[in-house]
């Protein structure tokens, strides 16, 4: 049975209170084997549609993942996109902006990595960091070399939401379909995953003191995400709040949404450049 993704969709204009959105729901799989079977079915269908997306060459798909630390972004990208042809898919991770990037508008560095038609682009974090981490850390905004009137404007954040919505509508009109996933992790589950990283020497590298510092701003981030999700979930670029305490369940939900989106695109393989007679002639040559 297909997973109903509707409960995880943020309707346009809805005010989001994350405390009302679950971080865990009833599993969409009976056991580990059932999970693997369902994910394999999703991945297989995704691979088929990705091949058609590439051949049709009229649409692009942009997947955006945002979350608190340890929510499972890397794992979802690894498992869900495992069957997609690497030539038709590109993953971009965005860290702290460079000096050059800070000398441009806040959307500049990400637009350079938008997927071309026929391909799937994945943003592991994105331009949404500019209304999340920058909002929680005002000192980051101070380093963005903005005019004083812009930086001190009380409408700074609404203006940034507006710029993001304008960009995403523009991309949609020109063939890029955008799906945005917020992996909704509970604070307790994050604590458990942090401890697991500390207990496993092979995962120690994933942990830094900054992770604990950011965890101390949990409530600030929750408010920033609520404002962001409320202002930027649109028909052209919807947000999905994915319960992330169960990693397997989260992967199934995300893969279901991607398959649904690809299936909804009106795509077809381009016609052959050979006539029926040409095909028969070539066949005879190869058979000889």
C-alpha atoms as a PDB file:
ATOM      1  CA  UNK A   1       0.000   0.000   0.000  1.00  0.00           C
ATOM      2  CA  UNK A   2       1.360   3.455  -0.906  1.00  0.00           C
ATOM      3  CA  UNK A   3       2.204   5.730   1.990  1.00  0.00           C
ATOM      4  CA  UNK A   4      -0.161   8.670   2.356  1.00  0.00           C
ATOM      5  CA  UNK A   5       2.204  11.645   2.406  1.00  0.00           C
ATOM      6  CA  UNK A   6      -0.577  14.215   2.907  1.00  0.00           C
ATOM      7  CA  UNK A   7      -0.297  14.408   6.726  1.00  0.00           C
ATOM      8  CA  UNK A   8       3.326  15.538   6.386  1.00  0.00           C
ATOM      9  CA  UNK A   9       2.653  18.325   3.890  1.00  0.00           C
ATOM     10  CA  UNK A  10       2.604  21.902   5.180  1.00  0.00           C
ATOM     11  CA  UNK A  11      -0.366  23.555   3.435  1.00  0.00           C
ATOM     12  CA  UNK A  12       0.405  26.980   1.941  1.00  0.00           C
ATOM     13  CA  UNK A  13      -0.339  29.736   4.428  1.00  0.00           C
ATOM     14  CA  UNK A  14      -0.558  27.396   7.425  1.00  0.00           C
ATOM     15  CA  UNK A  15       1.002  28.651  10.652  1.00  0.00           C
ATOM     16  CA  UNK A  16       3.279  25.873  11.855  1.00  0.00           C
ATOM     17  CA  UNK A  17       3.697  24.978  15.520  1.00  0.00           C
ATOM     18  CA  UNK A  18       6.244  22.163  15.549  1.00  0.00           C
ATOM     19  CA  UNK A  19       5.074  20.945  18.952  1.00  0.00           C
ATOM     20  CA  UNK A  20       1.931  19.764  17.162  1.00  0.00           C
ATOM     21  CA  UNK A  21       3.820  17.831  14.492  1.00  0.00           C
ATOM     22  CA  UNK A  22       4.972  14.343  15.526  1.00  0.00           C
ATOM     23  CA  UNK A  23       8.615  13.320  15.490  1.00  0.00           C
ATOM     24  CA  UNK A  24       7.548   9.660  15.351  1.00  0.00           C
ATOM     25  CA  UNK A  25       4.545   7.955  13.740  1.00  0.00           C
ATOM     26  CA  UNK A  26       3.388   4.364  13.383  1.00  0.00           C
ATOM     27  CA  UNK A  27       5.870   2.528  11.142  1.00  0.00           C
ATOM     28  CA  UNK A  28       4.974   2.026   7.506  1.00  0.00           C
ATOM     29  CA  UNK A  29       6.767  -1.329   7.579  1.00  0.00           C
ATOM     30  CA  UNK A  30       6.136  -4.548   9.479  1.00  0.00           C
ATOM     31  CA  UNK A  31       9.774  -5.491  10.042  1.00  0.00           C
ATOM     32  CA  UNK A  32      13.275  -4.920   8.669  1.00  0.00           C
ATOM     33  CA  UNK A  33      12.683  -7.123   5.639  1.00  0.00           C
ATOM     34  CA  UNK A  34       9.447  -5.315   4.815  1.00  0.00           C
ATOM     35  CA  UNK A  35      11.213  -1.951   5.148  1.00  0.00           C
ATOM     36  CA  UNK A  36      13.964  -3.039   2.769  1.00  0.00           C
ATOM     37  CA  UNK A  37      11.422  -4.391   0.274  1.00  0.00           C
ATOM     38  CA  UNK A  38       9.375  -1.175   0.317  1.00  0.00           C
ATOM     39  CA  UNK A  39      12.427   1.062   0.017  1.00  0.00           C
ATOM     40  CA  UNK A  40      13.769  -1.068  -2.853  1.00  0.00           C
ATOM     41  CA  UNK A  41      10.443  -0.676  -4.652  1.00  0.00           C
ATOM     42  CA  UNK A  42      10.553   3.097  -4.215  1.00  0.00           C
ATOM     43  CA  UNK A  43      14.192   3.286  -5.312  1.00  0.00           C
ATOM     44  CA  UNK A  44      13.486   1.136  -8.368  1.00  0.00           C
ATOM     45  CA  UNK A  45      10.573   3.291  -9.430  1.00  0.00           C
ATOM     46  CA  UNK A  46      12.636   6.420  -8.822  1.00  0.00           C
ATOM     47  CA  UNK A  47      15.412   5.074 -11.049  1.00  0.00           C
ATOM     48  CA  UNK A  48      12.929   4.392 -13.850  1.00  0.00           C
ATOM     49  CA  UNK A  49      11.472   7.876 -13.652  1.00  0.00           C
ATOM     50  CA  UNK A  50      14.912   9.468 -13.375  1.00  0.00           C
ATOM     51  CA  UNK A  51      15.903   7.827 -16.668  1.00  0.00           C
ATOM     52  CA  UNK A  52      12.761   9.259 -18.243  1.00  0.00           C
ATOM     53  CA  UNK A  53      13.429  12.663 -16.659  1.00  0.00           C
ATOM     54  CA  UNK A  54      16.869  12.663 -18.303  1.00  0.00           C
ATOM     55  CA  UNK A  55      15.561  11.567 -21.707  1.00  0.00           C
ATOM     56  CA  UNK A  56      12.579  13.943 -21.699  1.00  0.00           C
ATOM     57  CA  UNK A  57      14.867  16.859 -20.758  1.00  0.00           C
ATOM     58  CA  UNK A  58      12.115  19.328 -19.896  1.00  0.00           C
ATOM     59  CA  UNK A  59      12.054  19.175 -16.109  1.00  0.00           C
ATOM     60  CA  UNK A  60      14.545  19.241 -13.256  1.00  0.00           C
ATOM     61  CA  UNK A  61      13.950  18.128  -9.677  1.00  0.00           C
ATOM     62  CA  UNK A  62      15.452  19.942  -6.689  1.00  0.00           C
ATOM     63  CA  UNK A  63      15.371  18.218  -3.292  1.00  0.00           C
ATOM     64  CA  UNK A  64      16.139  20.359  -0.241  1.00  0.00           C
ATOM     65  CA  UNK A  65      16.929  18.822   3.140  1.00  0.00           C
ATOM     66  CA  UNK A  66      16.998  20.870   6.343  1.00  0.00           C
ATOM     67  CA  UNK A  67      17.204  19.609   9.903  1.00  0.00           C
ATOM     68  CA  UNK A  68      18.814  19.854  13.297  1.00  0.00           C
ATOM     69  CA  UNK A  69      22.096  17.981  13.758  1.00  0.00           C
ATOM     70  CA  UNK A  70      21.869  14.158  13.746  1.00  0.00           C
ATOM     71  CA  UNK A  71      18.418  14.115  12.137  1.00  0.00           C
ATOM     72  CA  UNK A  72      19.579  11.772   9.369  1.00  0.00           C
ATOM     73  CA  UNK A  73      19.976  13.928   6.261  1.00  0.00           C
ATOM     74  CA  UNK A  74      23.065  12.075   5.047  1.00  0.00           C
ATOM     75  CA  UNK A  75      21.458   8.690   5.637  1.00  0.00           C
ATOM     76  CA  UNK A  76      18.333   9.610   3.706  1.00  0.00           C
ATOM     77  CA  UNK A  77      20.353  10.894   0.768  1.00  0.00           C
ATOM     78  CA  UNK A  78      22.509   7.750   0.796  1.00  0.00           C
ATOM     79  CA  UNK A  79      19.681   5.212   1.032  1.00  0.00           C
ATOM     80  CA  UNK A  80      16.889   6.905  -0.904  1.00  0.00           C
ATOM     81  CA  UNK A  81      19.048   7.968  -3.853  1.00  0.00           C
ATOM     82  CA  UNK A  82      21.037   4.705  -3.994  1.00  0.00           C
ATOM     83  CA  UNK A  83      19.478   3.565  -7.267  1.00  0.00           C
ATOM     84  CA  UNK A  84      19.649   6.826  -9.188  1.00  0.00           C
ATOM     85  CA  UNK A  85      22.182   7.091 -12.021  1.00  0.00           C
ATOM     86  CA  UNK A  86      25.043   9.275 -10.693  1.00  0.00           C
ATOM     87  CA  UNK A  87      25.229  11.031 -14.090  1.00  0.00           C
ATOM     88  CA  UNK A  88      21.736  12.376 -13.537  1.00  0.00           C
ATOM     89  CA  UNK A  89      22.075  13.407  -9.896  1.00  0.00           C
ATOM     90  CA  UNK A  90      24.218  15.876  -7.984  1.00  0.00           C
ATOM     91  CA  UNK A  91      24.478  16.428  -4.211  1.00  0.00           C
ATOM     92  CA  UNK A  92      25.645  19.807  -2.914  1.00  0.00           C
ATOM     93  CA  UNK A  93      26.364  20.519   0.747  1.00  0.00           C
ATOM     94  CA  UNK A  94      26.550  24.117   1.932  1.00  0.00           C
ATOM     95  CA  UNK A  95      28.854  25.036   4.791  1.00  0.00           C
ATOM     96  CA  UNK A  96      29.959  28.450   6.054  1.00  0.00           C
ATOM     97  CA  UNK A  97      30.001  30.929   3.124  1.00  0.00           C
ATOM     98  CA  UNK A  98      33.315  32.062   1.681  1.00  0.00           C
ATOM     99  CA  UNK A  99      34.450  35.700   1.441  1.00  0.00           C
ATOM    100  CA  UNK A 100      33.437  35.736  -2.219  1.00  0.00           C
ATOM    101  CA  UNK A 101      29.984  34.375  -1.409  1.00  0.00           C
ATOM    102  CA  UNK A 102      29.506  36.972   1.323  1.00  0.00           C
ATOM    103  CA  UNK A 103      30.084  39.693  -1.269  1.00  0.00           C
ATOM    104  CA  UNK A 104      26.986  38.563  -3.187  1.00  0.00           C
ATOM    105  CA  UNK A 105      23.307  38.419  -2.309  1.00  0.00           C
ATOM    106  CA  UNK A 106      22.291  35.528  -0.044  1.00  0.00           C
ATOM    107  CA  UNK A 107      20.853  33.444  -2.911  1.00  0.00           C
ATOM    108  CA  UNK A 108      23.893  33.705  -5.184  1.00  0.00           C
ATOM    109  CA  UNK A 109      25.973  30.763  -4.012  1.00  0.00           C
ATOM    110  CA  UNK A 110      23.115  28.256  -4.140  1.00  0.00           C
ATOM    111  CA  UNK A 111      21.716  29.269  -7.535  1.00  0.00           C
ATOM    112  CA  UNK A 112      25.029  28.254  -9.103  1.00  0.00           C
ATOM    113  CA  UNK A 113      24.294  24.657  -8.125  1.00  0.00           C
ATOM    114  CA  UNK A 114      20.710  24.385  -9.319  1.00  0.00           C
ATOM    115  CA  UNK A 115      20.083  21.235 -11.375  1.00  0.00           C
ATOM    116  CA  UNK A 116      19.832  21.530 -15.133  1.00  0.00           C
ATOM    117  CA  UNK A 117      16.866  20.066 -16.980  1.00  0.00           C
ATOM    118  CA  UNK A 118      16.844  16.304 -16.982  1.00  0.00           C
ATOM    119  CA  UNK A 119      18.637  16.003 -13.643  1.00  0.00           C
ATOM    120  CA  UNK A 120      18.006  15.760  -9.918  1.00  0.00           C
ATOM    121  CA  UNK A 121      19.767  18.204  -7.617  1.00  0.00           C
ATOM    122  CA  UNK A 122      20.032  17.602  -3.879  1.00  0.00           C
ATOM    123  CA  UNK A 123      20.818  20.396  -1.433  1.00  0.00           C
ATOM    124  CA  UNK A 124      22.102  19.161   1.916  1.00  0.00           C
ATOM    125  CA  UNK A 125      21.236  22.405   3.682  1.00  0.00           C
ATOM    126  CA  UNK A 126      20.523  25.303   1.366  1.00  0.00           C
ATOM    127  CA  UNK A 127      19.661  28.986   1.054  1.00  0.00           C
ATOM    128  CA  UNK A 128      17.275  28.345   3.947  1.00  0.00           C
ATOM    129  CA  UNK A 129      20.270  28.572   6.261  1.00  0.00           C
ATOM    130  CA  UNK A 130      19.961  32.324   5.646  1.00  0.00           C
ATOM    131  CA  UNK A 131      16.674  32.424   7.553  1.00  0.00           C
ATOM    132  CA  UNK A 132      17.638  29.774  10.089  1.00  0.00           C
ATOM    133  CA  UNK A 133      21.214  29.829  11.384  1.00  0.00           C
ATOM    134  CA  UNK A 134      21.602  33.493  10.429  1.00  0.00           C
ATOM    135  CA  UNK A 135      18.429  34.324  12.337  1.00  0.00           C
ATOM    136  CA  UNK A 136      19.591  32.427  15.416  1.00  0.00           C
ATOM    137  CA  UNK A 137      23.103  33.909  15.185  1.00  0.00           C
ATOM    138  CA  UNK A 138      22.859  37.672  14.520  1.00  0.00           C
ATOM    139  CA  UNK A 139      26.661  37.878  14.439  1.00  0.00           C
ATOM    140  CA  UNK A 140      26.591  35.927  11.164  1.00  0.00           C
ATOM    141  CA  UNK A 141      24.311  38.535   9.633  1.00  0.00           C
ATOM    142  CA  UNK A 142      26.723  41.261  10.728  1.00  0.00           C
ATOM    143  CA  UNK A 143      29.412  39.618   8.589  1.00  0.00           C
ATOM    144  CA  UNK A 144      27.351  39.609   5.396  1.00  0.00           C
ATOM    145  CA  UNK A 145      28.367  43.144   4.346  1.00  0.00           C
ATOM    146  CA  UNK A 146      24.793  44.315   3.913  1.00  0.00           C
ATOM    147  CA  UNK A 147      23.871  48.005   3.787  1.00  0.00           C
ATOM    148  CA  UNK A 148      22.991  49.261   7.254  1.00  0.00           C
ATOM    149  CA  UNK A 149      19.423  50.069   6.220  1.00  0.00           C
ATOM    150  CA  UNK A 150      18.913  46.519   4.981  1.00  0.00           C
ATOM    151  CA  UNK A 151      20.453  44.814   8.007  1.00  0.00           C
ATOM    152  CA  UNK A 152      18.553  46.989  10.490  1.00  0.00           C
ATOM    153  CA  UNK A 153      15.215  46.822   8.651  1.00  0.00           C
ATOM    154  CA  UNK A 154      12.487  45.254  10.789  1.00  0.00           C
ATOM    155  CA  UNK A 155      11.190  43.536   7.640  1.00  0.00           C
ATOM    156  CA  UNK A 156      14.505  41.796   6.918  1.00  0.00           C
ATOM    157  CA  UNK A 157      13.195  38.268   7.474  1.00  0.00           C
ATOM    158  CA  UNK A 158       9.851  38.723   5.669  1.00  0.00           C
ATOM    159  CA  UNK A 159      11.812  40.200   2.770  1.00  0.00           C
ATOM    160  CA  UNK A 160      14.091  37.153   2.702  1.00  0.00           C
ATOM    161  CA  UNK A 161      11.089  34.806   2.738  1.00  0.00           C
ATOM    162  CA  UNK A 162       9.643  36.828  -0.131  1.00  0.00           C
ATOM    163  CA  UNK A 163      12.892  36.566  -2.118  1.00  0.00           C
ATOM    164  CA  UNK A 164      12.966  32.797  -1.586  1.00  0.00           C
ATOM    165  CA  UNK A 165       9.340  32.392  -2.655  1.00  0.00           C
ATOM    166  CA  UNK A 166       9.945  34.529  -5.750  1.00  0.00           C
ATOM    167  CA  UNK A 167      12.952  32.395  -6.709  1.00  0.00           C
ATOM    168  CA  UNK A 168      11.084  29.138  -6.228  1.00  0.00           C
ATOM    169  CA  UNK A 169       8.082  30.320  -8.243  1.00  0.00           C
ATOM    170  CA  UNK A 170      10.458  31.391 -11.017  1.00  0.00           C
ATOM    171  CA  UNK A 171      12.132  27.977 -11.005  1.00  0.00           C
ATOM    172  CA  UNK A 172       8.782  26.177 -11.041  1.00  0.00           C
ATOM    173  CA  UNK A 173       7.581  28.206 -14.031  1.00  0.00           C
ATOM    174  CA  UNK A 174      10.730  27.177 -15.876  1.00  0.00           C
ATOM    175  CA  UNK A 175      10.444  23.451 -15.243  1.00  0.00           C
ATOM    176  CA  UNK A 176      12.215  22.852 -11.906  1.00  0.00           C
ATOM    177  CA  UNK A 177      10.070  20.965  -9.420  1.00  0.00           C
ATOM    178  CA  UNK A 178      11.066  21.615  -5.808  1.00  0.00           C
ATOM    179  CA  UNK A 179      10.511  19.391  -2.787  1.00  0.00           C
ATOM    180  CA  UNK A 180      11.607  20.564   0.654  1.00  0.00           C
ATOM    181  CA  UNK A 181      11.994  18.207   3.602  1.00  0.00           C
ATOM    182  CA  UNK A 182      12.365  19.263   7.220  1.00  0.00           C
ATOM    183  CA  UNK A 183      13.455  16.203   9.190  1.00  0.00           C
ATOM    184  CA  UNK A 184      11.636  16.695  12.469  1.00  0.00           C
ATOM    185  CA  UNK A 185      13.771  15.220  15.249  1.00  0.00           C
ATOM    186  CA  UNK A 186      12.966  15.258  18.959  1.00  0.00           C
ATOM    187  CA  UNK A 187      15.485  16.699  21.374  1.00  0.00           C
ATOM    188  CA  UNK A 188      15.636  13.379  23.256  1.00  0.00           C
ATOM    189  CA  UNK A 189      16.362  11.412  20.075  1.00  0.00           C
ATOM    190  CA  UNK A 190      19.114  13.864  19.194  1.00  0.00           C
ATOM    191  CA  UNK A 191      20.613  13.292  22.645  1.00  0.00           C
ATOM    192  CA  UNK A 192      20.598   9.528  22.086  1.00  0.00           C
ATOM    193  CA  UNK A 193      22.226   9.864  18.672  1.00  0.00           C
ATOM    194  CA  UNK A 194      24.902  12.191  20.005  1.00  0.00           C
ATOM    195  CA  UNK A 195      25.708   9.657  22.730  1.00  0.00           C
ATOM    196  CA  UNK A 196      25.882   6.890  20.130  1.00  0.00           C
ATOM    197  CA  UNK A 197      28.400   8.928  18.159  1.00  0.00           C
ATOM    198  CA  UNK A 198      30.516   9.420  21.256  1.00  0.00           C
ATOM    199  CA  UNK A 199      30.363   5.700  22.081  1.00  0.00           C
ATOM    200  CA  UNK A 200      31.490   4.611  18.618  1.00  0.00           C
ATOM    201  CA  UNK A 201      35.138   5.529  17.823  1.00  0.00           C
ATOM    202  CA  UNK A 202      34.366   5.305  14.107  1.00  0.00           C
ATOM    203  CA  UNK A 203      31.711   8.010  14.504  1.00  0.00           C
ATOM    204  CA  UNK A 204      33.587  10.363  16.842  1.00  0.00           C
ATOM    205  CA  UNK A 205      34.595  12.472  13.864  1.00  0.00           C
ATOM    206  CA  UNK A 206      30.952  13.370  13.291  1.00  0.00           C
ATOM    207  CA  UNK A 207      30.782  15.183  16.618  1.00  0.00           C
ATOM    208  CA  UNK A 208      32.136  18.592  17.588  1.00  0.00           C
ATOM    209  CA  UNK A 209      31.757  20.995  20.502  1.00  0.00           C
ATOM    210  CA  UNK A 210      29.748  23.229  18.189  1.00  0.00           C
ATOM    211  CA  UNK A 211      27.042  20.547  18.067  1.00  0.00           C
ATOM    212  CA  UNK A 212      26.459  20.939  21.810  1.00  0.00           C
ATOM    213  CA  UNK A 213      26.495  24.734  21.530  1.00  0.00           C
ATOM    214  CA  UNK A 214      23.836  24.600  18.829  1.00  0.00           C
ATOM    215  CA  UNK A 215      21.794  22.145  20.880  1.00  0.00           C
ATOM    216  CA  UNK A 216      21.710  24.799  23.585  1.00  0.00           C
ATOM    217  CA  UNK A 217      19.813  26.995  21.132  1.00  0.00           C
ATOM    218  CA  UNK A 218      17.219  24.319  20.394  1.00  0.00           C
ATOM    219  CA  UNK A 219      14.194  26.503  21.178  1.00  0.00           C
ATOM    220  CA  UNK A 220      15.550  29.355  19.052  1.00  0.00           C
ATOM    221  CA  UNK A 221      15.959  27.010  16.116  1.00  0.00           C
ATOM    222  CA  UNK A 222      12.478  25.568  16.567  1.00  0.00           C
ATOM    223  CA  UNK A 223      11.008  29.071  16.377  1.00  0.00           C
ATOM    224  CA  UNK A 224      13.122  29.892  13.322  1.00  0.00           C
ATOM    225  CA  UNK A 225      11.947  26.723  11.590  1.00  0.00           C
ATOM    226  CA  UNK A 226       8.322  27.448  12.469  1.00  0.00           C
ATOM    227  CA  UNK A 227       8.551  30.925  10.939  1.00  0.00           C
ATOM    228  CA  UNK A 228      10.333  29.578   7.870  1.00  0.00           C
ATOM    229  CA  UNK A 229       7.942  26.687   7.219  1.00  0.00           C
ATOM    230  CA  UNK A 230       4.924  28.943   7.723  1.00  0.00           C
ATOM    231  CA  UNK A 231       6.189  31.572   5.282  1.00  0.00           C
ATOM    232  CA  UNK A 232       7.684  29.443   2.504  1.00  0.00           C
ATOM    233  CA  UNK A 233       5.546  26.345   1.979  1.00  0.00           C
ATOM    234  CA  UNK A 234       3.832  27.065  -1.331  1.00  0.00           C
ATOM    235  CA  UNK A 235       2.074  25.149  -4.092  1.00  0.00           C
ATOM    236  CA  UNK A 236       5.181  25.630  -6.242  1.00  0.00           C
ATOM    237  CA  UNK A 237       7.614  24.471  -3.551  1.00  0.00           C
ATOM    238  CA  UNK A 238       5.963  22.616  -0.652  1.00  0.00           C
ATOM    239  CA  UNK A 239       7.544  21.740   2.673  1.00  0.00           C
ATOM    240  CA  UNK A 240       7.139  18.302   4.207  1.00  0.00           C
ATOM    241  CA  UNK A 241       7.658  17.877   7.952  1.00  0.00           C
ATOM    242  CA  UNK A 242       9.024  14.341   8.134  1.00  0.00           C
ATOM    243  CA  UNK A 243       9.015  12.539  11.519  1.00  0.00           C
ATOM    244  CA  UNK A 244      12.699  11.677  11.900  1.00  0.00           C
ATOM    245  CA  UNK A 245      12.996   9.754  15.179  1.00  0.00           C
ATOM    246  CA  UNK A 246      12.578   6.536  13.155  1.00  0.00           C
ATOM    247  CA  UNK A 247      15.214   6.682  10.401  1.00  0.00           C
ATOM    248  CA  UNK A 248      13.687   3.893   8.311  1.00  0.00           C
ATOM    249  CA  UNK A 249      10.242   5.439   8.417  1.00  0.00           C
ATOM    250  CA  UNK A 250      11.656   8.832   7.405  1.00  0.00           C
ATOM    251  CA  UNK A 251      13.366   7.278   4.385  1.00  0.00           C
ATOM    252  CA  UNK A 252      10.149   5.630   3.251  1.00  0.00           C
ATOM    253  CA  UNK A 253       8.164   8.870   3.576  1.00  0.00           C
ATOM    254  CA  UNK A 254      10.736  10.903   1.653  1.00  0.00           C
ATOM    255  CA  UNK A 255      11.081   8.314  -1.113  1.00  0.00           C
ATOM    256  CA  UNK A 256       7.292   8.080  -1.444  1.00  0.00           C
ATOM    257  CA  UNK A 257       7.002  11.861  -1.920  1.00  0.00           C
ATOM    258  CA  UNK A 258       9.761  11.862  -4.562  1.00  0.00           C
ATOM    259  CA  UNK A 259       8.152   8.995  -6.481  1.00  0.00           C
ATOM    260  CA  UNK A 260       4.755  10.716  -6.385  1.00  0.00           C
ATOM    261  CA  UNK A 261       6.260  13.929  -7.738  1.00  0.00           C
ATOM    262  CA  UNK A 262       8.120  12.191 -10.567  1.00  0.00           C
ATOM    263  CA  UNK A 263       5.052  10.126 -11.449  1.00  0.00           C
ATOM    264  CA  UNK A 264       2.967  13.302 -11.736  1.00  0.00           C
ATOM    265  CA  UNK A 265       5.216  14.789 -14.426  1.00  0.00           C
ATOM    266  CA  UNK A 266       3.981  14.457 -17.999  1.00  0.00           C
ATOM    267  CA  UNK A 267       7.094  12.917 -19.528  1.00  0.00           C
ATOM    268  CA  UNK A 268       7.813  10.681 -22.497  1.00  0.00           C
ATOM    269  CA  UNK A 269      10.830   9.338 -24.331  1.00  0.00           C
ATOM    270  CA  UNK A 270      11.750  11.350 -27.420  1.00  0.00           C
ATOM    271  CA  UNK A 271      10.888   9.753 -30.767  1.00  0.00           C
ATOM    272  CA  UNK A 272      13.544   7.759 -32.565  1.00  0.00           C
ATOM    273  CA  UNK A 273      15.503   9.525 -35.297  1.00  0.00           C
ATOM    274  CA  UNK A 274      15.349   6.305 -37.337  1.00  0.00           C
ATOM    275  CA  UNK A 275      12.410   5.270 -39.511  1.00  0.00           C
ATOM    276  CA  UNK A 276      11.061   1.729 -39.385  1.00  0.00           C
ATOM    277  CA  UNK A 277      12.924   0.996 -42.617  1.00  0.00           C
ATOM    278  CA  UNK A 278      16.150   2.396 -41.154  1.00  0.00           C
ATOM    279  CA  UNK A 279      15.789   0.207 -38.084  1.00  0.00           C
ATOM    280  CA  UNK A 280      15.337  -2.911 -40.213  1.00  0.00           C
ATOM    281  CA  UNK A 281      18.329  -1.973 -42.366  1.00  0.00           C
ATOM    282  CA  UNK A 282      20.550  -1.456 -39.338  1.00  0.00           C
ATOM    283  CA  UNK A 283      19.294  -4.716 -37.825  1.00  0.00           C
ATOM    284  CA  UNK A 284      20.273  -6.585 -41.001  1.00  0.00           C
ATOM    285  CA  UNK A 285      23.737  -5.021 -40.937  1.00  0.00           C
ATOM    286  CA  UNK A 286      24.272  -6.003 -37.303  1.00  0.00           C
ATOM    287  CA  UNK A 287      22.953  -9.507 -37.906  1.00  0.00           C
ATOM    288  CA  UNK A 288      25.345 -10.037 -40.802  1.00  0.00           C
END
